[in-house]
Amino acid sequence: MSERTIEPLIVVGVDGSNHSKEALRWAVAQAAMTGGRVHAVMAWEWNRNPFAIGPTAAESADAVAVTAEEAARRKLADTVAAAVGTSPGVPVFRRVEQGSPAQVLVDASKEADLTVVGTRGYGGFKGALLGSVSQQVVQYSAGTVVIVREAQDEDD
């Protein structure tokens, strides 16, 4: 009986920032070395106004939420294309999920072999600190997490 091998799954958090692009580039390079695939994950949040009254307000809120989700899809597509191009050499799937970024990534980590997030590279003492999303992903992830700092210029 032949055993079917599954490509390793690398989940990477993407928010459109330079540090998330650097994390995506790292994840794609890692996937190329390990024969893996990448899920670029972007979270979006929408909070309905609990004080809105009537069906018109609810319909309007639903329409705005759909618009927010579509904006996130476009931003993710643009970010992936800017970071790794349209043919990165490994499968890169785009996922847009509603929820807080940290929780979406922690949930996605449950199916991943590796979770990758970027963090702001402040340099010096501040550079030792993690952002709030990175901190929560490291703390609550179901598996291994890699934190990728944005590349620094040699002049820095």
N, C-alpha and C. Protein backbone atom coordinates (compact mmCIF):
# COMPACT_ATOMS: atom_id res chain seq x y z
N MET A 1 0.85 -1.16 0.00
CA MET A 1 0.00 0.00 0.00
C MET A 1 0.90 1.23 0.00
N SER A 2 0.68 2.12 -0.95
CA SER A 2 1.50 3.33 -1.03
C SER A 2 0.93 4.41 -0.13
N GLU A 3 1.83 5.10 0.53
CA GLU A 3 1.41 6.16 1.44
C GLU A 3 1.40 7.50 0.69
N ARG A 4 0.32 8.20 0.76
CA ARG A 4 0.21 9.49 0.09
C ARG A 4 0.84 10.56 0.98
N THR A 5 1.77 11.30 0.41
CA THR A 5 2.39 12.36 1.20
C THR A 5 1.65 13.67 0.94
N ILE A 6 1.51 14.42 1.99
CA ILE A 6 0.83 15.71 1.90
C ILE A 6 1.88 16.80 2.03
N GLU A 7 1.76 17.79 1.17
CA GLU A 7 2.69 18.91 1.23
C GLU A 7 2.58 19.61 2.58
N PRO A 8 3.70 19.98 3.18
CA PRO A 8 3.64 20.74 4.43
C PRO A 8 2.89 22.07 4.21
N LEU A 9 2.08 22.44 5.17
CA LEU A 9 1.31 23.68 5.08
C LEU A 9 1.95 24.75 5.94
N ILE A 10 2.26 25.87 5.31
CA ILE A 10 2.79 27.02 6.02
C ILE A 10 1.75 28.12 5.98
N VAL A 11 1.28 28.53 7.14
CA VAL A 11 0.32 29.63 7.24
C VAL A 11 1.10 30.90 7.55
N VAL A 12 0.82 31.95 6.82
CA VAL A 12 1.53 33.22 7.05
C VAL A 12 0.50 34.34 7.18
N GLY A 13 0.66 35.14 8.23
CA GLY A 13 -0.22 36.28 8.45
C GLY A 13 0.19 37.44 7.55
N VAL A 14 -0.79 38.00 6.84
CA VAL A 14 -0.53 39.10 5.92
C VAL A 14 -1.49 40.24 6.24
N ASP A 15 -0.94 41.46 6.38
CA ASP A 15 -1.80 42.61 6.63
C ASP A 15 -1.50 43.77 5.67
N GLY A 16 -0.64 43.53 4.70
CA GLY A 16 -0.30 44.57 3.73
C GLY A 16 0.94 45.37 4.08
N SER A 17 1.45 45.20 5.29
CA SER A 17 2.62 45.96 5.73
C SER A 17 3.89 45.36 5.14
N ASN A 18 4.98 46.12 5.20
CA ASN A 18 6.26 45.61 4.72
C ASN A 18 6.72 44.40 5.51
N HIS A 19 6.48 44.39 6.83
CA HIS A 19 6.93 43.24 7.61
C HIS A 19 6.12 41.99 7.29
N SER A 20 4.86 42.14 6.90
CA SER A 20 4.11 40.95 6.51
C SER A 20 4.55 40.47 5.12
N LYS A 21 4.96 41.40 4.26
CA LYS A 21 5.49 40.99 2.95
C LYS A 21 6.79 40.21 3.13
N GLU A 22 7.63 40.66 4.06
CA GLU A 22 8.88 39.95 4.35
C GLU A 22 8.57 38.55 4.89
N ALA A 23 7.57 38.44 5.75
CA ALA A 23 7.17 37.13 6.29
C ALA A 23 6.66 36.23 5.16
N LEU A 24 5.91 36.79 4.24
CA LEU A 24 5.40 36.01 3.12
C LEU A 24 6.54 35.53 2.22
N ARG A 25 7.50 36.40 1.95
CA ARG A 25 8.65 35.98 1.15
C ARG A 25 9.41 34.84 1.84
N TRP A 26 9.58 34.96 3.17
CA TRP A 26 10.27 33.91 3.92
C TRP A 26 9.49 32.60 3.83
N ALA A 27 8.17 32.68 4.00
CA ALA A 27 7.33 31.48 3.95
C ALA A 27 7.39 30.81 2.58
N VAL A 28 7.39 31.59 1.52
CA VAL A 28 7.48 31.03 0.17
C VAL A 28 8.83 30.35 -0.03
N ALA A 29 9.91 30.98 0.44
CA ALA A 29 11.24 30.37 0.32
C ALA A 29 11.30 29.06 1.12
N GLN A 30 10.71 29.04 2.30
CA GLN A 30 10.68 27.83 3.12
C GLN A 30 9.86 26.74 2.43
N ALA A 31 8.73 27.11 1.85
CA ALA A 31 7.90 26.15 1.13
C ALA A 31 8.66 25.57 -0.07
N ALA A 32 9.43 26.39 -0.75
CA ALA A 32 10.22 25.92 -1.88
C ALA A 32 11.26 24.89 -1.42
N MET A 33 11.85 25.11 -0.26
CA MET A 33 12.87 24.18 0.26
C MET A 33 12.27 22.88 0.78
N THR A 34 11.04 22.93 1.27
CA THR A 34 10.44 21.76 1.90
C THR A 34 9.36 21.09 1.06
N GLY A 35 9.10 21.62 -0.13
CA GLY A 35 8.04 21.07 -0.96
C GLY A 35 6.66 21.38 -0.41
N GLY A 36 6.55 22.51 0.26
CA GLY A 36 5.30 22.87 0.93
C GLY A 36 4.43 23.79 0.12
N ARG A 37 3.35 24.20 0.76
CA ARG A 37 2.40 25.15 0.19
C ARG A 37 2.15 26.21 1.23
N VAL A 38 1.71 27.36 0.77
CA VAL A 38 1.53 28.52 1.65
C VAL A 38 0.08 28.97 1.62
N HIS A 39 -0.45 29.25 2.79
CA HIS A 39 -1.74 29.92 2.90
C HIS A 39 -1.46 31.31 3.46
N ALA A 40 -1.65 32.31 2.60
CA ALA A 40 -1.52 33.71 3.03
C ALA A 40 -2.86 34.10 3.63
N VAL A 41 -2.87 34.43 4.91
CA VAL A 41 -4.12 34.66 5.63
C VAL A 41 -4.21 36.13 6.05
N MET A 42 -5.33 36.74 5.70
CA MET A 42 -5.61 38.12 6.12
C MET A 42 -6.93 38.11 6.89
N ALA A 43 -6.92 38.77 8.03
CA ALA A 43 -8.13 38.88 8.85
C ALA A 43 -8.76 40.25 8.65
N TRP A 44 -10.07 40.27 8.78
CA TRP A 44 -10.78 41.55 8.76
C TRP A 44 -11.84 41.48 9.84
N GLU A 45 -12.11 42.63 10.42
CA GLU A 45 -13.10 42.70 11.49
C GLU A 45 -14.22 43.65 11.11
N TRP A 46 -15.40 43.31 11.53
CA TRP A 46 -16.53 44.19 11.34
C TRP A 46 -17.41 44.06 12.57
N ASN A 47 -17.63 45.17 13.23
CA ASN A 47 -18.50 45.20 14.39
C ASN A 47 -19.76 45.96 14.03
N ARG A 48 -20.88 45.29 14.12
CA ARG A 48 -22.15 45.96 13.87
C ARG A 48 -22.46 46.89 15.02
N ASN A 49 -23.09 47.98 14.69
CA ASN A 49 -23.52 48.91 15.72
C ASN A 49 -24.73 48.30 16.43
N PRO A 50 -24.61 47.95 17.72
CA PRO A 50 -25.73 47.31 18.41
C PRO A 50 -26.91 48.26 18.62
N PHE A 51 -26.71 49.55 18.38
CA PHE A 51 -27.78 50.51 18.60
C PHE A 51 -28.52 50.84 17.32
N ALA A 52 -28.11 50.23 16.18
CA ALA A 52 -28.81 50.47 14.92
C ALA A 52 -30.22 49.87 15.04
N ILE A 53 -31.19 50.59 14.53
CA ILE A 53 -32.57 50.15 14.66
C ILE A 53 -33.17 49.91 13.29
N GLY A 54 -33.94 48.83 13.19
CA GLY A 54 -34.70 48.57 11.98
C GLY A 54 -33.96 47.74 10.95
N PRO A 55 -34.71 47.15 10.03
CA PRO A 55 -34.13 46.28 9.01
C PRO A 55 -33.22 47.04 8.03
N THR A 56 -33.52 48.31 7.78
CA THR A 56 -32.69 49.08 6.86
C THR A 56 -31.27 49.23 7.40
N ALA A 57 -31.16 49.48 8.70
CA ALA A 57 -29.85 49.61 9.32
C ALA A 57 -29.09 48.28 9.25
N ALA A 58 -29.79 47.17 9.48
CA ALA A 58 -29.16 45.85 9.42
C ALA A 58 -28.71 45.54 8.00
N GLU A 59 -29.54 45.84 7.03
CA GLU A 59 -29.17 45.59 5.63
C GLU A 59 -27.98 46.45 5.24
N SER A 60 -27.97 47.68 5.70
CA SER A 60 -26.86 48.57 5.41
C SER A 60 -25.57 48.04 6.04
N ALA A 61 -25.67 47.56 7.27
CA ALA A 61 -24.50 47.01 7.96
C ALA A 61 -23.98 45.78 7.22
N ASP A 62 -24.89 44.91 6.74
CA ASP A 62 -24.47 43.73 5.98
C ASP A 62 -23.76 44.14 4.69
N ALA A 63 -24.27 45.16 4.02
CA ALA A 63 -23.65 45.64 2.79
C ALA A 63 -22.25 46.19 3.05
N VAL A 64 -22.09 46.92 4.14
CA VAL A 64 -20.79 47.47 4.48
C VAL A 64 -19.82 46.34 4.84
N ALA A 65 -20.30 45.31 5.54
CA ALA A 65 -19.45 44.17 5.90
C ALA A 65 -18.96 43.46 4.64
N VAL A 66 -19.85 43.27 3.67
CA VAL A 66 -19.45 42.63 2.41
C VAL A 66 -18.40 43.49 1.71
N THR A 67 -18.58 44.79 1.73
CA THR A 67 -17.61 45.70 1.13
C THR A 67 -16.26 45.60 1.86
N ALA A 68 -16.28 45.50 3.18
CA ALA A 68 -15.04 45.39 3.96
C ALA A 68 -14.33 44.08 3.65
N GLU A 69 -15.08 43.01 3.51
CA GLU A 69 -14.48 41.72 3.18
C GLU A 69 -13.87 41.76 1.77
N GLU A 70 -14.58 42.35 0.84
CA GLU A 70 -14.07 42.46 -0.53
C GLU A 70 -12.80 43.33 -0.57
N ALA A 71 -12.78 44.39 0.22
CA ALA A 71 -11.58 45.24 0.29
C ALA A 71 -10.40 44.43 0.84
N ALA A 72 -10.66 43.59 1.83
CA ALA A 72 -9.60 42.74 2.38
C ALA A 72 -9.10 41.75 1.32
N ARG A 73 -10.01 41.18 0.53
CA ARG A 73 -9.61 40.25 -0.53
C ARG A 73 -8.70 40.94 -1.55
N ARG A 74 -9.08 42.15 -1.93
CA ARG A 74 -8.26 42.91 -2.89
C ARG A 74 -6.89 43.24 -2.31
N LYS A 75 -6.90 43.69 -1.05
CA LYS A 75 -5.64 44.05 -0.40
C LYS A 75 -4.72 42.83 -0.30
N LEU A 76 -5.28 41.68 0.03
CA LEU A 76 -4.49 40.46 0.13
C LEU A 76 -3.91 40.09 -1.23
N ALA A 77 -4.73 40.14 -2.27
CA ALA A 77 -4.25 39.81 -3.62
C ALA A 77 -3.13 40.75 -4.03
N ASP A 78 -3.30 42.04 -3.78
CA ASP A 78 -2.27 43.02 -4.13
C ASP A 78 -0.99 42.79 -3.33
N THR A 79 -1.12 42.48 -2.05
CA THR A 79 0.04 42.27 -1.20
C THR A 79 0.82 41.03 -1.63
N VAL A 80 0.11 39.95 -1.92
CA VAL A 80 0.77 38.72 -2.37
C VAL A 80 1.51 38.98 -3.68
N ALA A 81 0.85 39.66 -4.61
CA ALA A 81 1.50 39.95 -5.90
C ALA A 81 2.73 40.84 -5.72
N ALA A 82 2.63 41.83 -4.84
CA ALA A 82 3.77 42.73 -4.61
C ALA A 82 4.93 42.01 -3.92
N ALA A 83 4.63 41.08 -3.03
CA ALA A 83 5.67 40.41 -2.25
C ALA A 83 6.36 39.29 -3.01
N VAL A 84 5.57 38.45 -3.70
CA VAL A 84 6.14 37.25 -4.32
C VAL A 84 5.81 37.10 -5.80
N GLY A 85 5.10 38.06 -6.35
CA GLY A 85 4.76 37.98 -7.77
C GLY A 85 3.58 37.05 -8.03
N THR A 86 3.30 36.85 -9.30
CA THR A 86 2.15 36.03 -9.66
C THR A 86 2.50 34.56 -9.85
N SER A 87 3.79 34.23 -9.96
CA SER A 87 4.24 32.85 -10.10
C SER A 87 5.42 32.60 -9.16
N PRO A 88 5.13 32.43 -7.86
CA PRO A 88 6.22 32.32 -6.88
C PRO A 88 6.95 30.97 -6.89
N GLY A 89 6.48 30.00 -7.65
CA GLY A 89 7.15 28.71 -7.71
C GLY A 89 6.61 27.68 -6.75
N VAL A 90 5.77 28.07 -5.83
CA VAL A 90 5.08 27.15 -4.91
C VAL A 90 3.62 27.57 -4.85
N PRO A 91 2.74 26.64 -4.47
CA PRO A 91 1.33 27.03 -4.35
C PRO A 91 1.14 28.05 -3.22
N VAL A 92 0.54 29.19 -3.54
CA VAL A 92 0.21 30.20 -2.54
C VAL A 92 -1.29 30.45 -2.65
N PHE A 93 -2.00 30.07 -1.62
CA PHE A 93 -3.44 30.25 -1.57
C PHE A 93 -3.75 31.45 -0.69
N ARG A 94 -4.75 32.22 -1.09
CA ARG A 94 -5.14 33.40 -0.32
C ARG A 94 -6.40 33.08 0.47
N ARG A 95 -6.35 33.39 1.77
CA ARG A 95 -7.50 33.18 2.65
C ARG A 95 -7.83 34.47 3.38
N VAL A 96 -9.08 34.86 3.31
CA VAL A 96 -9.57 36.03 4.06
C VAL A 96 -10.58 35.51 5.07
N GLU A 97 -10.34 35.83 6.34
CA GLU A 97 -11.21 35.35 7.41
C GLU A 97 -11.67 36.52 8.26
N GLN A 98 -12.91 36.45 8.72
CA GLN A 98 -13.42 37.48 9.60
C GLN A 98 -13.00 37.16 11.03
N GLY A 99 -12.50 38.17 11.74
CA GLY A 99 -12.13 38.00 13.14
C GLY A 99 -10.90 38.82 13.45
N SER A 100 -10.48 38.75 14.70
CA SER A 100 -9.28 39.48 15.09
C SER A 100 -8.08 38.77 14.47
N PRO A 101 -7.07 39.53 14.04
CA PRO A 101 -5.92 38.90 13.38
C PRO A 101 -5.26 37.80 14.21
N ALA A 102 -5.05 38.04 15.48
CA ALA A 102 -4.39 37.03 16.32
C ALA A 102 -5.23 35.75 16.39
N GLN A 103 -6.53 35.89 16.61
CA GLN A 103 -7.37 34.70 16.75
C GLN A 103 -7.48 33.93 15.44
N VAL A 104 -7.58 34.65 14.32
CA VAL A 104 -7.64 34.00 13.01
C VAL A 104 -6.37 33.19 12.78
N LEU A 105 -5.21 33.76 13.10
CA LEU A 105 -3.94 33.04 12.89
C LEU A 105 -3.78 31.88 13.87
N VAL A 106 -4.19 32.05 15.10
CA VAL A 106 -4.13 30.94 16.07
C VAL A 106 -5.02 29.80 15.59
N ASP A 107 -6.22 30.11 15.11
CA ASP A 107 -7.12 29.07 14.59
C ASP A 107 -6.50 28.39 13.37
N ALA A 108 -5.90 29.17 12.47
CA ALA A 108 -5.28 28.60 11.27
C ALA A 108 -4.08 27.74 11.63
N SER A 109 -3.40 28.04 12.74
CA SER A 109 -2.23 27.28 13.15
C SER A 109 -2.57 25.83 13.48
N LYS A 110 -3.82 25.57 13.77
CA LYS A 110 -4.24 24.21 14.14
C LYS A 110 -4.12 23.24 12.97
N GLU A 111 -4.16 23.74 11.75
CA GLU A 111 -4.02 22.87 10.59
C GLU A 111 -2.67 23.01 9.91
N ALA A 112 -1.83 23.89 10.42
CA ALA A 112 -0.55 24.20 9.78
C ALA A 112 0.60 23.40 10.38
N ASP A 113 1.61 23.18 9.54
CA ASP A 113 2.87 22.61 10.02
C ASP A 113 3.77 23.70 10.58
N LEU A 114 3.55 24.93 10.11
CA LEU A 114 4.35 26.07 10.53
C LEU A 114 3.52 27.33 10.34
N THR A 115 3.61 28.24 11.30
CA THR A 115 2.93 29.53 11.20
C THR A 115 3.99 30.62 11.19
N VAL A 116 3.85 31.57 10.26
CA VAL A 116 4.84 32.62 10.08
C VAL A 116 4.15 33.97 10.22
N VAL A 117 4.74 34.84 11.02
CA VAL A 117 4.24 36.21 11.15
C VAL A 117 5.41 37.17 11.10
N GLY A 118 5.14 38.36 10.66
CA GLY A 118 6.14 39.41 10.67
C GLY A 118 5.98 40.24 11.93
N THR A 119 6.98 41.04 12.20
CA THR A 119 6.91 41.96 13.32
C THR A 119 7.74 43.18 12.98
N ARG A 120 7.40 44.27 13.56
CA ARG A 120 8.13 45.51 13.27
C ARG A 120 9.54 45.42 13.81
N GLY A 121 10.52 45.70 12.95
CA GLY A 121 11.92 45.67 13.37
C GLY A 121 12.36 47.06 13.76
N TYR A 122 12.14 47.43 15.01
CA TYR A 122 12.48 48.78 15.46
C TYR A 122 13.98 48.98 15.63
N GLY A 123 14.72 47.92 15.86
CA GLY A 123 16.15 48.06 16.13
C GLY A 123 16.37 48.39 17.60
N GLY A 124 17.60 48.16 18.08
CA GLY A 124 17.91 48.47 19.47
C GLY A 124 17.04 47.70 20.44
N PHE A 125 16.77 48.30 21.60
CA PHE A 125 15.98 47.64 22.63
C PHE A 125 14.55 47.39 22.15
N LYS A 126 13.96 48.38 21.48
CA LYS A 126 12.59 48.20 20.99
C LYS A 126 12.49 47.02 20.03
N GLY A 127 13.58 46.74 19.32
CA GLY A 127 13.58 45.63 18.37
C GLY A 127 13.39 44.28 19.02
N ALA A 128 13.64 44.20 20.32
CA ALA A 128 13.45 42.95 21.05
C ALA A 128 11.98 42.69 21.37
N LEU A 129 11.15 43.69 21.20
CA LEU A 129 9.74 43.57 21.51
C LEU A 129 8.96 43.02 20.33
N LEU A 130 7.91 42.28 20.63
CA LEU A 130 7.01 41.79 19.60
C LEU A 130 5.75 42.64 19.58
N GLY A 131 5.12 42.73 18.42
CA GLY A 131 3.82 43.40 18.34
C GLY A 131 2.77 42.53 19.02
N SER A 132 1.60 43.09 19.25
CA SER A 132 0.57 42.36 19.99
C SER A 132 0.10 41.11 19.25
N VAL A 133 -0.05 41.17 17.93
CA VAL A 133 -0.49 40.00 17.19
C VAL A 133 0.58 38.92 17.24
N SER A 134 1.82 39.28 16.97
CA SER A 134 2.92 38.31 17.01
C SER A 134 3.01 37.66 18.39
N GLN A 135 2.89 38.46 19.43
CA GLN A 135 2.96 37.96 20.80
C GLN A 135 1.87 36.91 21.06
N GLN A 136 0.65 37.22 20.65
CA GLN A 136 -0.46 36.29 20.88
C GLN A 136 -0.32 35.02 20.06
N VAL A 137 0.14 35.15 18.82
CA VAL A 137 0.33 33.97 17.98
C VAL A 137 1.39 33.06 18.59
N VAL A 138 2.50 33.63 19.04
CA VAL A 138 3.55 32.83 19.69
C VAL A 138 2.99 32.14 20.93
N GLN A 139 2.23 32.86 21.70
CA GLN A 139 1.73 32.34 22.97
C GLN A 139 0.68 31.24 22.79
N TYR A 140 -0.21 31.39 21.81
CA TYR A 140 -1.37 30.49 21.72
C TYR A 140 -1.38 29.57 20.51
N SER A 141 -0.40 29.65 19.65
CA SER A 141 -0.38 28.83 18.45
C SER A 141 -0.37 27.34 18.78
N ALA A 142 -0.96 26.56 17.90
CA ALA A 142 -1.01 25.11 18.09
C ALA A 142 0.30 24.43 17.70
N GLY A 143 1.21 25.16 17.07
CA GLY A 143 2.46 24.54 16.62
C GLY A 143 3.60 25.54 16.58
N THR A 144 4.56 25.24 15.74
CA THR A 144 5.76 26.04 15.62
C THR A 144 5.46 27.38 14.94
N VAL A 145 6.06 28.45 15.46
CA VAL A 145 5.88 29.79 14.92
C VAL A 145 7.25 30.38 14.58
N VAL A 146 7.33 31.01 13.43
CA VAL A 146 8.53 31.75 13.05
C VAL A 146 8.17 33.22 12.98
N ILE A 147 8.97 34.05 13.63
CA ILE A 147 8.79 35.50 13.59
C ILE A 147 9.84 36.04 12.62
N VAL A 148 9.40 36.75 11.60
CA VAL A 148 10.31 37.30 10.60
C VAL A 148 10.34 38.81 10.75
N ARG A 149 11.51 39.34 10.93
CA ARG A 149 11.66 40.79 11.03
C ARG A 149 11.93 41.35 9.65
N GLU A 150 11.48 42.57 9.43
CA GLU A 150 11.73 43.24 8.17
C GLU A 150 13.22 43.45 7.99
N ALA A 151 13.71 43.21 6.79
CA ALA A 151 15.14 43.36 6.51
C ALA A 151 15.55 44.81 6.78
N GLN A 152 16.72 44.98 7.37
CA GLN A 152 17.20 46.32 7.68
C GLN A 152 18.28 46.70 6.69
N ASP A 153 18.35 47.98 6.37
CA ASP A 153 19.42 48.48 5.52
C ASP A 153 20.73 48.39 6.29
N GLU A 154 21.83 48.21 5.57
CA GLU A 154 23.13 48.12 6.24
C GLU A 154 23.54 49.44 6.87
N ASP A 155 22.94 50.55 6.42
CA ASP A 155 23.25 51.85 6.99
C ASP A 155 22.65 52.04 8.37
N ASP A 156 21.64 51.23 8.73
CA ASP A 156 20.95 51.37 10.01
C ASP A 156 21.80 50.92 11.17
